[in-house]
């Protein structure tokens, strides 16, 4: 039911001598809304409901940009739209639910269905090796001959347990270990 239909129902129930609380309960609205509606004449109510239908929305100034994003990325979520707007316009201040409902309305009005894309996953091998445990690794360059069971593209990332990225004595000083860990990724 739209607002004017509710207004007509309220007027009809008042003519039948229903109490305000009964009207509110039957129409599932608050008593304050009933009081607000009965204070208005039919002309005022018609004018007010017409004004609410043509009212602009906070996000209307961004509509073309949002439509462009939705057409280019059909699986885009409203949360992503909000994040992108915040990045592009730092002064952007609109609530999450407002963006959600606006994006939903745009999708309906412009027939932009929300597509869900499937992600491509692949196995990632992650191994930490403490170089101090094996003398073999101490003076050898890190290359594929050390790990013959690895196939394909992979890389080593060397890191000190304290967070440093260099192979030097400061790693031993901060962690008490003489060698950093090596991680490799397939």
Foldseek 3Di string as FASTA:
>chain_A
DAPLVLLVQLVVVVVVVDDLVVSCVVVVHDSVSSVVSVVDDSVRSVVVSVCVVPDDDPCPVCVVVLVVVCVVQVQDALVNVVVVCCVVPVVDDDDSVSSRVVSVVVCVVVVRHNDDDDDDDDDKDKDKDFQVVDPVNPPDDDDCVVPVVDDDDKDKQWAQPVGHRDQDCVSCVVPVGNGTIIIMID
